[in-house]
Amino acid sequence: MGRRVRINNTPFTVVGVLAAGQILEVTVERLGFGGNAIARHEGTGLVVFVPFGAPGDRLEVEITECEKTFVHSRIVAVLEP
């Protein structure tokens, strides 16, 4: 999937395979600053920011914007609330 690197002695996954428009299944872990939900892609460990998500939600999301260590997404479907 992505390439693992260390930044300030913390491992991060670099986006290499993921691209805008891809659909992912994620589970929301917690709420972040600004109200976005924070989830991780199970295959790469990549951080996924999801607006309007709630902790514990299992979601199908579409990537809208890719950065080096995270992606922004939108909800396509709620699999489990």
Protein backbone atom coordinates (compact mmCIF):
# COMPACT_ATOMS: atom_id res chain seq x y z
CA MET A 1 0.00 0.00 0.00
CA GLY A 2 1.79 3.13 1.21
CA ARG A 3 5.43 3.60 2.19
CA ARG A 4 6.19 3.77 5.95
CA VAL A 5 8.44 6.66 7.05
CA ARG A 6 9.37 8.26 10.35
CA ILE A 7 8.79 11.97 10.99
CA ASN A 8 10.00 13.27 14.37
CA ASN A 9 10.48 9.62 15.41
CA THR A 10 6.78 8.87 14.74
CA PRO A 11 5.80 6.41 11.97
CA PHE A 12 3.55 7.76 9.23
CA THR A 13 2.19 6.22 6.05
CA VAL A 14 2.86 8.15 2.87
CA VAL A 15 0.00 8.21 0.38
CA GLY A 16 1.19 6.42 -2.73
CA VAL A 17 -1.60 4.08 -3.71
CA LEU A 18 -4.62 6.05 -2.51
CA ALA A 19 -6.10 8.77 -4.71
CA ALA A 20 -9.05 11.15 -4.78
CA GLY A 21 -12.23 9.34 -5.78
CA GLN A 22 -11.30 6.02 -4.14
CA ILE A 23 -13.83 4.39 -1.81
CA LEU A 24 -12.65 3.13 1.61
CA GLU A 25 -14.30 1.38 4.56
CA VAL A 26 -13.27 2.90 7.89
CA THR A 27 -14.30 2.87 11.55
CA VAL A 28 -14.38 6.25 13.31
CA GLU A 29 -12.12 6.31 16.39
CA ARG A 30 -12.80 9.77 17.83
CA LEU A 31 -13.70 13.38 17.09
CA GLY A 32 -10.93 15.79 16.19
CA PHE A 33 -10.44 19.53 16.28
CA GLY A 34 -13.04 21.35 14.22
CA GLY A 35 -15.63 18.56 14.50
CA ASN A 36 -14.20 16.18 11.89
CA ALA A 37 -14.24 12.52 12.84
CA ILE A 38 -10.88 10.73 12.84
CA ALA A 39 -10.61 7.22 11.40
CA ARG A 40 -7.78 5.04 10.11
CA HIS A 41 -7.64 3.03 6.91
CA GLU A 42 -7.09 -0.58 8.01
CA GLY A 43 -4.79 -1.50 5.13
CA THR A 44 -2.31 1.37 5.50
CA GLY A 45 -2.98 2.91 8.92
CA LEU A 46 -3.50 6.23 7.13
CA VAL A 47 -5.48 8.91 9.01
CA VAL A 48 -8.84 9.68 7.37
CA PHE A 49 -10.74 12.85 8.30
CA VAL A 50 -14.51 12.45 7.90
CA PRO A 51 -16.95 15.34 8.42
CA PHE A 52 -20.21 14.45 10.24
CA GLY A 53 -18.94 11.07 11.50
CA ALA A 54 -19.38 9.87 15.09
CA PRO A 55 -17.12 7.62 17.18
CA GLY A 56 -17.91 3.95 16.55
CA ASP A 57 -19.49 4.51 13.13
CA ARG A 58 -18.44 2.07 10.40
CA LEU A 59 -18.48 4.12 7.19
CA GLU A 60 -17.91 3.85 3.48
CA VAL A 61 -16.14 7.07 2.47
CA GLU A 62 -14.84 8.61 -0.74
CA ILE A 63 -11.45 10.33 -0.67
CA THR A 64 -11.78 13.98 -1.67
CA GLU A 65 -8.24 15.26 -1.00
CA CYS A 66 -4.89 13.54 -0.37
CA GLU A 67 -1.98 14.84 1.68
CA LYS A 68 1.27 13.05 2.57
CA THR A 69 0.12 11.61 5.91
CA PHE A 70 -3.68 11.91 5.80
CA VAL A 71 -6.70 12.19 3.53
CA HIS A 72 -9.96 14.12 3.66
CA SER A 73 -13.12 12.28 2.71
CA ARG A 74 -16.91 12.42 2.52
CA ILE A 75 -19.44 9.85 3.69
CA VAL A 76 -20.91 7.67 0.95
CA ALA A 77 -22.76 5.22 3.23
CA VAL A 78 -23.16 4.45 6.92
CA LEU A 79 -22.55 0.69 7.29
CA GLU A 80 -23.03 0.56 11.10
CA PRO A 81 -24.05 3.54 13.24
